[in-house]
């Protein structure tokens, strides 16, 4: 369900030891659902 999916996304992002990344490309799923809302509210996005 949606809450599990959004939690998984946040864990993949925040629990990964990214090393001095200049640009992180986020390959989004299609649509405007839970993942997109989580991205907009909780993930620092420079641009789309």
ModelCIF file with pLDDT and N, C-alpha, C, O atoms, coordinates in Angstrom:
data_MODEL
#
_entry.id   MODEL 
#
_entity.id                         1 
_entity.type                       polymer 
_entity.pdbx_number_of_molecules   1 
#
_entity_poly.entity_id                      1 
_entity_poly.type                           'polypeptide(L)' 
_entity_poly.nstd_linkage                   no 
_entity_poly.nstd_monomer                   no 
_entity_poly.pdbx_seq_one_letter_code       
;(UNK)(UNK)(UNK)(UNK)(UNK)(UNK)(UNK)(UNK)(UNK)(UNK)(UNK)(UNK)(UNK)(UNK)(UNK)(UNK)
(UNK)(UNK)(UNK)(UNK)(UNK)(UNK)(UNK)(UNK)(UNK)(UNK)(UNK)(UNK)(UNK)(UNK)(UNK)(UNK)
(UNK)(UNK)(UNK)(UNK)(UNK)(UNK)(UNK)(UNK)(UNK)(UNK)(UNK)(UNK)(UNK)(UNK)(UNK)(UNK)
;
_entity_poly.pdbx_seq_one_letter_code_can   XXXXXXXXXXXXXXXXXXXXXXXXXXXXXXXXXXXXXXXXXXXXXXXX 
_entity_poly.pdbx_strand_id                 A 
#
loop_
_entity_poly_seq.entity_id 
_entity_poly_seq.num 
_entity_poly_seq.mon_id 
_entity_poly_seq.hetero 
1 1  UNK n 
1 2  UNK n 
1 3  UNK n 
1 4  UNK n 
1 5  UNK n 
1 6  UNK n 
1 7  UNK n 
1 8  UNK n 
1 9  UNK n 
1 10 UNK n 
1 11 UNK n 
1 12 UNK n 
1 13 UNK n 
1 14 UNK n 
1 15 UNK n 
1 16 UNK n 
1 17 UNK n 
1 18 UNK n 
1 19 UNK n 
1 20 UNK n 
1 21 UNK n 
1 22 UNK n 
1 23 UNK n 
1 24 UNK n 
1 25 UNK n 
1 26 UNK n 
1 27 UNK n 
1 28 UNK n 
1 29 UNK n 
1 30 UNK n 
1 31 UNK n 
1 32 UNK n 
1 33 UNK n 
1 34 UNK n 
1 35 UNK n 
1 36 UNK n 
1 37 UNK n 
1 38 UNK n 
1 39 UNK n 
1 40 UNK n 
1 41 UNK n 
1 42 UNK n 
1 43 UNK n 
1 44 UNK n 
1 45 UNK n 
1 46 UNK n 
1 47 UNK n 
1 48 UNK n 
#
_struct_asym.id          A 
_struct_asym.entity_id   1 
#
loop_
_ma_qa_metric.id 
_ma_qa_metric.mode 
_ma_qa_metric.name 
_ma_qa_metric.software_group_id 
_ma_qa_metric.type 
1 global pLDDT . pLDDT 
2 local  pLDDT . pLDDT 
#
_ma_qa_metric_global.metric_id      1 
_ma_qa_metric_global.metric_value   87.96 
_ma_qa_metric_global.model_id       1 
_ma_qa_metric_global.ordinal_id     1 
#
loop_
_ma_qa_metric_local.label_asym_id 
_ma_qa_metric_local.label_comp_id 
_ma_qa_metric_local.label_seq_id 
_ma_qa_metric_local.metric_id 
_ma_qa_metric_local.metric_value 
_ma_qa_metric_local.model_id 
_ma_qa_metric_local.ordinal_id 
A UNK 1  2 73.00 1 1  
A UNK 2  2 70.00 1 2  
A UNK 3  2 77.00 1 3  
A UNK 4  2 84.00 1 4  
A UNK 5  2 83.00 1 5  
A UNK 6  2 85.00 1 6  
A UNK 7  2 88.00 1 7  
A UNK 8  2 86.00 1 8  
A UNK 9  2 89.00 1 9  
A UNK 10 2 90.00 1 10 
A UNK 11 2 92.00 1 11 
A UNK 12 2 92.00 1 12 
A UNK 13 2 93.00 1 13 
A UNK 14 2 93.00 1 14 
A UNK 15 2 94.00 1 15 
A UNK 16 2 95.00 1 16 
A UNK 17 2 96.00 1 17 
A UNK 18 2 97.00 1 18 
A UNK 19 2 96.00 1 19 
A UNK 20 2 96.00 1 20 
A UNK 21 2 98.00 1 21 
A UNK 22 2 97.00 1 22 
A UNK 23 2 98.00 1 23 
A UNK 24 2 98.00 1 24 
A UNK 25 2 98.00 1 25 
A UNK 26 2 96.00 1 26 
A UNK 27 2 94.00 1 27 
A UNK 28 2 91.00 1 28 
A UNK 29 2 86.00 1 29 
A UNK 30 2 80.00 1 30 
A UNK 31 2 74.00 1 31 
A UNK 32 2 71.00 1 32 
A UNK 33 2 75.00 1 33 
A UNK 34 2 80.00 1 34 
A UNK 35 2 83.00 1 35 
A UNK 36 2 82.00 1 36 
A UNK 37 2 80.00 1 37 
A UNK 38 2 83.00 1 38 
A UNK 39 2 81.00 1 39 
A UNK 40 2 79.00 1 40 
A UNK 41 2 81.00 1 41 
A UNK 42 2 86.00 1 42 
A UNK 43 2 90.00 1 43 
A UNK 44 2 93.00 1 44 
A UNK 45 2 94.00 1 45 
A UNK 46 2 95.00 1 46 
A UNK 47 2 95.00 1 47 
A UNK 48 2 95.00 1 48 
#
loop_
_atom_site.group_PDB 
_atom_site.id 
_atom_site.type_symbol 
_atom_site.label_atom_id 
_atom_site.label_alt_id 
_atom_site.label_comp_id 
_atom_site.label_asym_id 
_atom_site.label_entity_id 
_atom_site.label_seq_id 
_atom_site.pdbx_PDB_ins_code 
_atom_site.Cartn_x 
_atom_site.Cartn_y 
_atom_site.Cartn_z 
_atom_site.occupancy 
_atom_site.B_iso_or_equiv 
_atom_site.pdbx_formal_charge 
_atom_site.auth_seq_id 
_atom_site.auth_comp_id 
_atom_site.auth_asym_id 
_atom_site.auth_atom_id 
_atom_site.pdbx_PDB_model_num 
ATOM 1   N N  . UNK A 1 1  ? 0.835  -1.193 0.000   1.00 73.00 ? 1  UNK A N  1 
ATOM 2   C CA . UNK A 1 1  ? 0.000  0.000  0.000   1.00 73.00 ? 1  UNK A CA 1 
ATOM 3   C C  . UNK A 1 1  ? 0.880  1.256  0.000   1.00 73.00 ? 1  UNK A C  1 
ATOM 4   O O  . UNK A 1 1  ? 2.090  1.193  0.217   1.00 73.00 ? 1  UNK A O  1 
ATOM 5   N N  . UNK A 1 2  ? 0.231  2.394  -0.250  1.00 70.00 ? 2  UNK A N  1 
ATOM 6   C CA . UNK A 1 2  ? 0.940  3.655  -0.398  1.00 70.00 ? 2  UNK A CA 1 
ATOM 7   C C  . UNK A 1 2  ? 1.923  3.985  0.709   1.00 70.00 ? 2  UNK A C  1 
ATOM 8   O O  . UNK A 1 2  ? 3.064  4.332  0.404   1.00 70.00 ? 2  UNK A O  1 
ATOM 9   N N  . UNK A 1 3  ? 1.540  3.897  2.003   1.00 77.00 ? 3  UNK A N  1 
ATOM 10  C CA . UNK A 1 3  ? 2.475  4.260  3.074   1.00 77.00 ? 3  UNK A CA 1 
ATOM 11  C C  . UNK A 1 3  ? 3.754  3.427  3.068   1.00 77.00 ? 3  UNK A C  1 
ATOM 12  O O  . UNK A 1 3  ? 4.831  3.948  3.357   1.00 77.00 ? 3  UNK A O  1 
ATOM 13  N N  . UNK A 1 4  ? 3.646  2.129  2.740   1.00 84.00 ? 4  UNK A N  1 
ATOM 14  C CA . UNK A 1 4  ? 4.829  1.279  2.691   1.00 84.00 ? 4  UNK A CA 1 
ATOM 15  C C  . UNK A 1 4  ? 5.736  1.691  1.538   1.00 84.00 ? 4  UNK A C  1 
ATOM 16  O O  . UNK A 1 4  ? 6.960  1.655  1.658   1.00 84.00 ? 4  UNK A O  1 
ATOM 17  N N  . UNK A 1 5  ? 5.127  2.083  0.417   1.00 83.00 ? 5  UNK A N  1 
ATOM 18  C CA . UNK A 1 5  ? 5.901  2.492  -0.755  1.00 83.00 ? 5  UNK A CA 1 
ATOM 19  C C  . UNK A 1 5  ? 6.675  3.780  -0.469  1.00 83.00 ? 5  UNK A C  1 
ATOM 20  O O  . UNK A 1 5  ? 7.859  3.887  -0.790  1.00 83.00 ? 5  UNK A O  1 
ATOM 21  N N  . UNK A 1 6  ? 6.003  4.742  0.128   1.00 85.00 ? 6  UNK A N  1 
ATOM 22  C CA . UNK A 1 6  ? 6.675  6.017  0.415   1.00 85.00 ? 6  UNK A CA 1 
ATOM 23  C C  . UNK A 1 6  ? 7.767  5.839  1.462   1.00 85.00 ? 6  UNK A C  1 
ATOM 24  O O  . UNK A 1 6  ? 8.807  6.494  1.395   1.00 85.00 ? 6  UNK A O  1 
ATOM 25  N N  . UNK A 1 7  ? 7.535  4.954  2.431   1.00 88.00 ? 7  UNK A N  1 
ATOM 26  C CA . UNK A 1 7  ? 8.572  4.688  3.426   1.00 88.00 ? 7  UNK A CA 1 
ATOM 27  C C  . UNK A 1 7  ? 9.779  4.029  2.769   1.00 88.00 ? 7  UNK A C  1 
ATOM 28  O O  . UNK A 1 7  ? 10.922 4.339  3.105   1.00 88.00 ? 7  UNK A O  1 
ATOM 29  N N  . UNK A 1 8  ? 9.523  3.120  1.832   1.00 86.00 ? 8  UNK A N  1 
ATOM 30  C CA . UNK A 1 8  ? 10.615 2.455  1.122   1.00 86.00 ? 8  UNK A CA 1 
ATOM 31  C C  . UNK A 1 8  ? 11.444 3.466  0.340   1.00 86.00 ? 8  UNK A C  1 
ATOM 32  O O  . UNK A 1 8  ? 12.673 3.387  0.327   1.00 86.00 ? 8  UNK A O  1 
ATOM 33  N N  . UNK A 1 9  ? 10.777 4.413  -0.311  1.00 89.00 ? 9  UNK A N  1 
ATOM 34  C CA . UNK A 1 9  ? 11.490 5.438  -1.074  1.00 89.00 ? 9  UNK A CA 1 
ATOM 35  C C  . UNK A 1 9  ? 12.402 6.256  -0.161  1.00 89.00 ? 9  UNK A C  1 
ATOM 36  O O  . UNK A 1 9  ? 13.564 6.493  -0.489  1.00 89.00 ? 9  UNK A O  1 
ATOM 37  N N  . UNK A 1 10 ? 11.873 6.684  0.981   1.00 90.00 ? 10 UNK A N  1 
ATOM 38  C CA . UNK A 1 10 ? 12.673 7.490  1.898   1.00 90.00 ? 10 UNK A CA 1 
ATOM 39  C C  . UNK A 1 10 ? 13.864 6.705  2.447   1.00 90.00 ? 10 UNK A C  1 
ATOM 40  O O  . UNK A 1 10 ? 14.944 7.262  2.643   1.00 90.00 ? 10 UNK A O  1 
ATOM 41  N N  . UNK A 1 11 ? 13.660 5.405  2.693   1.00 92.00 ? 11 UNK A N  1 
ATOM 42  C CA . UNK A 1 11 ? 14.774 4.595  3.190   1.00 92.00 ? 11 UNK A CA 1 
ATOM 43  C C  . UNK A 1 11 ? 15.845 4.414  2.121   1.00 92.00 ? 11 UNK A C  1 
ATOM 44  O O  . UNK A 1 11 ? 17.039 4.473  2.414   1.00 92.00 ? 11 UNK A O  1 
ATOM 45  N N  . UNK A 1 12 ? 15.414 4.192  0.880   1.00 92.00 ? 12 UNK A N  1 
ATOM 46  C CA . UNK A 1 12 ? 16.384 4.038  -0.200  1.00 92.00 ? 12 UNK A CA 1 
ATOM 47  C C  . UNK A 1 12 ? 17.232 5.295  -0.356  1.00 92.00 ? 12 UNK A C  1 
ATOM 48  O O  . UNK A 1 12 ? 18.431 5.224  -0.629  1.00 92.00 ? 12 UNK A O  1 
ATOM 49  N N  . UNK A 1 13 ? 16.593 6.437  -0.178  1.00 93.00 ? 13 UNK A N  1 
ATOM 50  C CA . UNK A 1 13 ? 17.309 7.703  -0.322  1.00 93.00 ? 13 UNK A CA 1 
ATOM 51  C C  . UNK A 1 13 ? 18.179 8.001  0.893   1.00 93.00 ? 13 UNK A C  1 
ATOM 52  O O  . UNK A 1 13 ? 19.370 8.280  0.755   1.00 93.00 ? 13 UNK A O  1 
ATOM 53  N N  . UNK A 1 14 ? 17.584 7.943  2.080   1.00 93.00 ? 14 UNK A N  1 
ATOM 54  C CA . UNK A 1 14 ? 18.267 8.408  3.288   1.00 93.00 ? 14 UNK A CA 1 
ATOM 55  C C  . UNK A 1 14 ? 19.215 7.383  3.898   1.00 93.00 ? 14 UNK A C  1 
ATOM 56  O O  . UNK A 1 14 ? 20.147 7.756  4.611   1.00 93.00 ? 14 UNK A O  1 
ATOM 57  N N  . UNK A 1 15 ? 18.993 6.098  3.631   1.00 94.00 ? 15 UNK A N  1 
ATOM 58  C CA . UNK A 1 15 ? 19.846 5.063  4.222   1.00 94.00 ? 15 UNK A CA 1 
ATOM 59  C C  . UNK A 1 15 ? 20.951 4.603  3.282   1.00 94.00 ? 15 UNK A C  1 
ATOM 60  O O  . UNK A 1 15 ? 21.650 3.632  3.571   1.00 94.00 ? 15 UNK A O  1 
ATOM 61  N N  . UNK A 1 16 ? 21.110 5.292  2.166   1.00 95.00 ? 16 UNK A N  1 
ATOM 62  C CA . UNK A 1 16 ? 22.205 4.987  1.240   1.00 95.00 ? 16 UNK A CA 1 
ATOM 63  C C  . UNK A 1 16 ? 23.344 5.974  1.479   1.00 95.00 ? 16 UNK A C  1 
ATOM 64  O O  . UNK A 1 16 ? 23.110 7.176  1.606   1.00 95.00 ? 16 UNK A O  1 
ATOM 65  N N  . UNK A 1 17 ? 24.549 5.479  1.538   1.00 96.00 ? 17 UNK A N  1 
ATOM 66  C CA . UNK A 1 17 ? 25.717 6.327  1.779   1.00 96.00 ? 17 UNK A CA 1 
ATOM 67  C C  . UNK A 1 17 ? 26.197 6.952  0.472   1.00 96.00 ? 17 UNK A C  1 
ATOM 68  O O  . UNK A 1 17 ? 27.228 6.566  -0.078  1.00 96.00 ? 17 UNK A O  1 
ATOM 69  N N  . UNK A 1 18 ? 25.432 7.919  -0.008  1.00 97.00 ? 18 UNK A N  1 
ATOM 70  C CA . UNK A 1 18 ? 25.826 8.615  -1.229  1.00 97.00 ? 18 UNK A CA 1 
ATOM 71  C C  . UNK A 1 18 ? 27.133 9.358  -0.977  1.00 97.00 ? 18 UNK A C  1 
ATOM 72  O O  . UNK A 1 18 ? 27.309 9.969  0.077   1.00 97.00 ? 18 UNK A O  1 
ATOM 73  N N  . UNK A 1 19 ? 28.036 9.308  -1.930  1.00 96.00 ? 19 UNK A N  1 
ATOM 74  C CA . UNK A 1 19 ? 29.376 9.856  -1.739  1.00 96.00 ? 19 UNK A CA 1 
ATOM 75  C C  . UNK A 1 19 ? 29.607 11.063 -2.646  1.00 96.00 ? 19 UNK A C  1 
ATOM 76  O O  . UNK A 1 19 ? 29.893 10.917 -3.835  1.00 96.00 ? 19 UNK A O  1 
ATOM 77  N N  . UNK A 1 20 ? 29.477 12.263 -2.064  1.00 96.00 ? 20 UNK A N  1 
ATOM 78  C CA . UNK A 1 20 ? 29.791 13.517 -2.742  1.00 96.00 ? 20 UNK A CA 1 
ATOM 79  C C  . UNK A 1 20 ? 29.154 13.581 -4.128  1.00 96.00 ? 20 UNK A C  1 
ATOM 80  O O  . UNK A 1 20 ? 29.842 13.807 -5.123  1.00 96.00 ? 20 UNK A O  1 
ATOM 81  N N  . UNK A 1 21 ? 27.850 13.383 -4.185  1.00 98.00 ? 21 UNK A N  1 
ATOM 82  C CA . UNK A 1 21 ? 27.120 13.373 -5.455  1.00 98.00 ? 21 UNK A CA 1 
ATOM 83  C C  . UNK A 1 21 ? 26.799 14.806 -5.882  1.00 98.00 ? 21 UNK A C  1 
ATOM 84  O O  . UNK A 1 21 ? 26.160 15.554 -5.142  1.00 98.00 ? 21 UNK A O  1 
ATOM 85  N N  . UNK A 1 22 ? 27.243 15.177 -7.073  1.00 97.00 ? 22 UNK A N  1 
ATOM 86  C CA . UNK A 1 22 ? 26.902 16.494 -7.617  1.00 97.00 ? 22 UNK A CA 1 
ATOM 87  C C  . UNK A 1 22 ? 25.439 16.541 -8.047  1.00 97.00 ? 22 UNK A C  1 
ATOM 88  O O  . UNK A 1 22 ? 24.733 17.517 -7.790  1.00 97.00 ? 22 UNK A O  1 
ATOM 89  N N  . UNK A 1 23 ? 24.993 15.466 -8.709  1.00 98.00 ? 23 UNK A N  1 
ATOM 90  C CA . UNK A 1 23 ? 23.613 15.384 -9.187  1.00 98.00 ? 23 UNK A CA 1 
ATOM 91  C C  . UNK A 1 23 ? 23.081 13.985 -8.914  1.00 98.00 ? 23 UNK A C  1 
ATOM 92  O O  . UNK A 1 23 ? 23.674 12.994 -9.340  1.00 98.00 ? 23 UNK A O  1 
ATOM 93  N N  . UNK A 1 24 ? 21.966 13.910 -8.204  1.00 98.00 ? 24 UNK A N  1 
ATOM 94  C CA . UNK A 1 24 ? 21.257 12.640 -8.034  1.00 98.00 ? 24 UNK A CA 1 
ATOM 95  C C  . UNK A 1 24 ? 20.036 12.664 -8.938  1.00 98.00 ? 24 UNK A C  1 
ATOM 96  O O  . UNK A 1 24 ? 19.130 13.476 -8.747  1.00 98.00 ? 24 UNK A O  1 
ATOM 97  N N  . UNK A 1 25 ? 20.013 11.779 -9.915  1.00 98.00 ? 25 UNK A N  1 
ATOM 98  C CA . UNK A 1 25 ? 18.851 11.646 -10.786 1.00 98.00 ? 25 UNK A CA 1 
ATOM 99  C C  . UNK A 1 25 ? 17.851 10.702 -10.132 1.00 98.00 ? 25 UNK A C  1 
ATOM 100 O O  . UNK A 1 25 ? 18.198 9.575  -9.776  1.00 98.00 ? 25 UNK A O  1 
ATOM 101 N N  . UNK A 1 26 ? 16.611 11.158 -9.971  1.00 96.00 ? 26 UNK A N  1 
ATOM 102 C CA . UNK A 1 26 ? 15.561 10.310 -9.408  1.00 96.00 ? 26 UNK A CA 1 
ATOM 103 C C  . UNK A 1 26 ? 14.616 9.908  -10.541 1.00 96.00 ? 26 UNK A C  1 
ATOM 104 O O  . UNK A 1 26 ? 13.897 10.739 -11.095 1.00 96.00 ? 26 UNK A O  1 
ATOM 105 N N  . UNK A 1 27 ? 14.635 8.628  -10.867 1.00 94.00 ? 27 UNK A N  1 
ATOM 106 C CA . UNK A 1 27 ? 13.761 8.089  -11.909 1.00 94.00 ? 27 UNK A CA 1 
ATOM 107 C C  . UNK A 1 27 ? 12.386 7.841  -11.290 1.00 94.00 ? 27 UNK A C  1 
ATOM 108 O O  . UNK A 1 27 ? 12.185 6.855  -10.581 1.00 94.00 ? 27 UNK A O  1 
ATOM 109 N N  . UNK A 1 28 ? 11.440 8.746  -11.564 1.00 91.00 ? 28 UNK A N  1 
ATOM 110 C CA . UNK A 1 28 ? 10.134 8.704  -10.936 1.00 91.00 ? 28 UNK A CA 1 
ATOM 111 C C  . UNK A 1 28 ? 9.204  7.699  -11.612 1.00 91.00 ? 28 UNK A C  1 
ATOM 112 O O  . UNK A 1 28 ? 9.338  7.446  -12.809 1.00 91.00 ? 28 UNK A O  1 
ATOM 113 N N  . UNK A 1 29 ? 8.259  7.121  -10.857 1.00 86.00 ? 29 UNK A N  1 
ATOM 114 C CA . UNK A 1 29 ? 7.214  6.326  -11.501 1.00 86.00 ? 29 UNK A CA 1 
ATOM 115 C C  . UNK A 1 29 ? 6.248  7.260  -12.225 1.00 86.00 ? 29 UNK A C  1 
ATOM 116 O O  . UNK A 1 29 ? 6.190  8.448  -11.908 1.00 86.00 ? 29 UNK A O  1 
ATOM 117 N N  . UNK A 1 30 ? 5.491  6.746  -13.189 1.00 80.00 ? 30 UNK A N  1 
ATOM 118 C CA . UNK A 1 30 ? 4.520  7.607  -13.877 1.00 80.00 ? 30 UNK A CA 1 
ATOM 119 C C  . UNK A 1 30 ? 3.391  8.021  -12.941 1.00 80.00 ? 30 UNK A C  1 
ATOM 120 O O  . UNK A 1 30 ? 3.124  7.360  -11.937 1.00 80.00 ? 30 UNK A O  1 
ATOM 121 N N  . UNK A 1 31 ? 2.732  9.127  -13.285 1.00 74.00 ? 31 UNK A N  1 
ATOM 122 C CA . UNK A 1 31 ? 1.568  9.562  -12.524 1.00 74.00 ? 31 UNK A CA 1 
ATOM 123 C C  . UNK A 1 31 ? 1.879  10.665 -11.535 1.00 74.00 ? 31 UNK A C  1 
ATOM 124 O O  . UNK A 1 31 ? 2.958  11.257 -11.539 1.00 74.00 ? 31 UNK A O  1 
ATOM 125 N N  . UNK A 1 32 ? 0.877  10.924 -10.672 1.00 71.00 ? 32 UNK A N  1 
ATOM 126 C CA . UNK A 1 32 ? 1.005  11.981 -9.658  1.00 71.00 ? 32 UNK A CA 1 
ATOM 127 C C  . UNK A 1 32 ? 0.464  11.467 -8.319  1.00 71.00 ? 32 UNK A C  1 
ATOM 128 O O  . UNK A 1 32 ? -0.395 12.094 -7.698  1.00 71.00 ? 32 UNK A O  1 
ATOM 129 N N  . UNK A 1 33 ? 0.984  10.318 -7.892  1.00 75.00 ? 33 UNK A N  1 
ATOM 130 C CA . UNK A 1 33 ? 0.462  9.673  -6.689  1.00 75.00 ? 33 UNK A CA 1 
ATOM 131 C C  . UNK A 1 33 ? 1.323  9.856  -5.462  1.00 75.00 ? 33 UNK A C  1 
ATOM 132 O O  . UNK A 1 33 ? 1.936  10.905 -5.264  1.00 75.00 ? 33 UNK A O  1 
ATOM 133 N N  . UNK A 1 34 ? 1.362  8.803  -4.626  1.00 80.00 ? 34 UNK A N  1 
ATOM 134 C CA . UNK A 1 34 ? 2.023  8.872  -3.322  1.00 80.00 ? 34 UNK A CA 1 
ATOM 135 C C  . UNK A 1 34 ? 3.513  9.189  -3.431  1.00 80.00 ? 34 UNK A C  1 
ATOM 136 O O  . UNK A 1 34 ? 4.035  10.010 -2.677  1.00 80.00 ? 34 UNK A O  1 
ATOM 137 N N  . UNK A 1 35 ? 4.190  8.537  -4.367  1.00 83.00 ? 35 UNK A N  1 
ATOM 138 C CA . UNK A 1 35 ? 5.629  8.753  -4.509  1.00 83.00 ? 35 UNK A CA 1 
ATOM 139 C C  . UNK A 1 35 ? 5.914  10.215 -4.851  1.00 83.00 ? 35 UNK A C  1 
ATOM 140 O O  . UNK A 1 35 ? 6.808  10.838 -4.277  1.00 83.00 ? 35 UNK A O  1 
ATOM 141 N N  . UNK A 1 36 ? 5.145  10.748 -5.787  1.00 82.00 ? 36 UNK A N  1 
ATOM 142 C CA . UNK A 1 36 ? 5.358  12.146 -6.196  1.00 82.00 ? 36 UNK A CA 1 
ATOM 143 C C  . UNK A 1 36 ? 5.091  13.099 -5.039  1.00 82.00 ? 36 UNK A C  1 
ATOM 144 O O  . UNK A 1 36 ? 5.808  14.085 -4.865  1.00 82.00 ? 36 UNK A O  1 
ATOM 145 N N  . UNK A 1 37 ? 4.066  12.809 -4.251  1.00 80.00 ? 37 UNK A N  1 
ATOM 146 C CA . UNK A 1 37 ? 3.729  13.672 -3.115  1.00 80.00 ? 37 UNK A CA 1 
ATOM 147 C C  . UNK A 1 37 ? 4.829  13.631 -2.056  1.00 80.00 ? 37 UNK A C  1 
ATOM 148 O O  . UNK A 1 37 ? 5.191  14.663 -1.491  1.00 80.00 ? 37 UNK A O  1 
ATOM 149 N N  . UNK A 1 38 ? 5.361  12.437 -1.789  1.00 83.00 ? 38 UNK A N  1 
ATOM 150 C CA . UNK A 1 38 ? 6.458  12.304 -0.836  1.00 83.00 ? 38 UNK A CA 1 
ATOM 151 C C  . UNK A 1 38 ? 7.677  13.063 -1.322  1.00 83.00 ? 38 UNK A C  1 
ATOM 152 O O  . UNK A 1 38 ? 8.340  13.754 -0.549  1.00 83.00 ? 38 UNK A O  1 
ATOM 153 N N  . UNK A 1 39 ? 7.968  12.930 -2.609  1.00 81.00 ? 39 UNK A N  1 
ATOM 154 C CA . UNK A 1 39 ? 9.112  13.636 -3.181  1.00 81.00 ? 39 UNK A CA 1 
ATOM 155 C C  . UNK A 1 39 ? 8.965  15.138 -2.988  1.00 81.00 ? 39 UNK A C  1 
ATOM 156 O O  . UNK A 1 39 ? 9.924  15.824 -2.634  1.00 81.00 ? 39 UNK A O  1 
ATOM 157 N N  . UNK A 1 40 ? 7.763  15.643 -3.223  1.00 79.00 ? 40 UNK A N  1 
ATOM 158 C CA . UNK A 1 40 ? 7.525  17.085 -3.144  1.00 79.00 ? 40 UNK A CA 1 
ATOM 159 C C  . UNK A 1 40 ? 7.585  17.599 -1.715  1.00 79.00 ? 40 UNK A C  1 
ATOM 160 O O  . UNK A 1 40 ? 8.006  18.733 -1.490  1.00 79.00 ? 40 UNK A O  1 
ATOM 161 N N  . UNK A 1 41 ? 7.173  16.788 -0.741  1.00 81.00 ? 41 UNK A N  1 
ATOM 162 C CA . UNK A 1 41 ? 7.056  17.256 0.632   1.00 81.00 ? 41 UNK A CA 1 
ATOM 163 C C  . UNK A 1 41 ? 8.281  16.979 1.496   1.00 81.00 ? 41 UNK A C  1 
ATOM 164 O O  . UNK A 1 41 ? 8.560  17.734 2.428   1.00 81.00 ? 41 UNK A O  1 
ATOM 165 N N  . UNK A 1 42 ? 9.014  15.913 1.203   1.00 86.00 ? 42 UNK A N  1 
ATOM 166 C CA . UNK A 1 42 ? 10.049 15.482 2.144   1.00 86.00 ? 42 UNK A CA 1 
ATOM 167 C C  . UNK A 1 42 ? 11.440 15.326 1.544   1.00 86.00 ? 42 UNK A C  1 
ATOM 168 O O  . UNK A 1 42 ? 12.402 15.110 2.281   1.00 86.00 ? 42 UNK A O  1 
ATOM 169 N N  . UNK A 1 43 ? 11.567 15.431 0.235   1.00 90.00 ? 43 UNK A N  1 
ATOM 170 C CA . UNK A 1 43 ? 12.862 15.231 -0.417  1.00 90.00 ? 43 UNK A CA 1 
ATOM 171 C C  . UNK A 1 43 ? 13.295 16.536 -1.074  1.00 90.00 ? 43 UNK A C  1 
ATOM 172 O O  . UNK A 1 43 ? 12.514 17.125 -1.821  1.00 90.00 ? 43 UNK A O  1 
ATOM 173 N N  . UNK A 1 44 ? 14.514 17.004 -0.821  1.00 93.00 ? 44 UNK A N  1 
ATOM 174 C CA . UNK A 1 44 ? 14.961 18.291 -1.373  1.00 93.00 ? 44 UNK A CA 1 
ATOM 175 C C  . UNK A 1 44 ? 15.258 18.194 -2.870  1.00 93.00 ? 44 UNK A C  1 
ATOM 176 O O  . UNK A 1 44 ? 16.303 17.682 -3.270  1.00 93.00 ? 44 UNK A O  1 
ATOM 177 N N  . UNK A 1 45 ? 14.344 18.682 -3.680  1.00 94.00 ? 45 UNK A N  1 
ATOM 178 C CA . UNK A 1 45 ? 14.471 18.576 -5.138  1.00 94.00 ? 45 UNK A CA 1 
ATOM 179 C C  . UNK A 1 45 ? 14.899 19.922 -5.717  1.00 94.00 ? 45 UNK A C  1 
ATOM 180 O O  . UNK A 1 45 ? 14.247 20.940 -5.488  1.00 94.00 ? 45 UNK A O  1 
ATOM 181 N N  . UNK A 1 46 ? 15.987 19.918 -6.459  1.00 95.00 ? 46 UNK A N  1 
ATOM 182 C CA . UNK A 1 46 ? 16.476 21.145 -7.082  1.00 95.00 ? 46 UNK A CA 1 
ATOM 183 C C  . UNK A 1 46 ? 15.614 21.529 -8.281  1.00 95.00 ? 46 UNK A C  1 
ATOM 184 O O  . UNK A 1 46 ? 15.357 22.709 -8.518  1.00 95.00 ? 46 UNK A O  1 
ATOM 185 N N  . UNK A 1 47 ? 15.173 20.532 -9.030  1.00 95.00 ? 47 UNK A N  1 
ATOM 186 C CA . UNK A 1 47 ? 14.343 20.805 -10.198 1.00 95.00 ? 47 UNK A CA 1 
ATOM 187 C C  . UNK A 1 47 ? 13.843 19.518 -10.820 1.00 95.00 ? 47 UNK A C  1 
ATOM 188 O O  . UNK A 1 47 ? 14.339 18.433 -10.516 1.00 95.00 ? 47 UNK A O  1 
ATOM 189 N N  . UNK A 1 48 ? 12.852 19.648 -11.697 1.00 95.00 ? 48 UNK A N  1 
ATOM 190 C CA . UNK A 1 48 ? 12.243 18.488 -12.346 1.00 95.00 ? 48 UNK A CA 1 
ATOM 191 C C  . UNK A 1 48 ? 12.353 18.594 -13.858 1.00 95.00 ? 48 UNK A C  1 
ATOM 192 O O  . UNK A 1 48 ? 11.894 17.705 -14.574 1.00 95.00 ? 48 UNK A O  1 
#
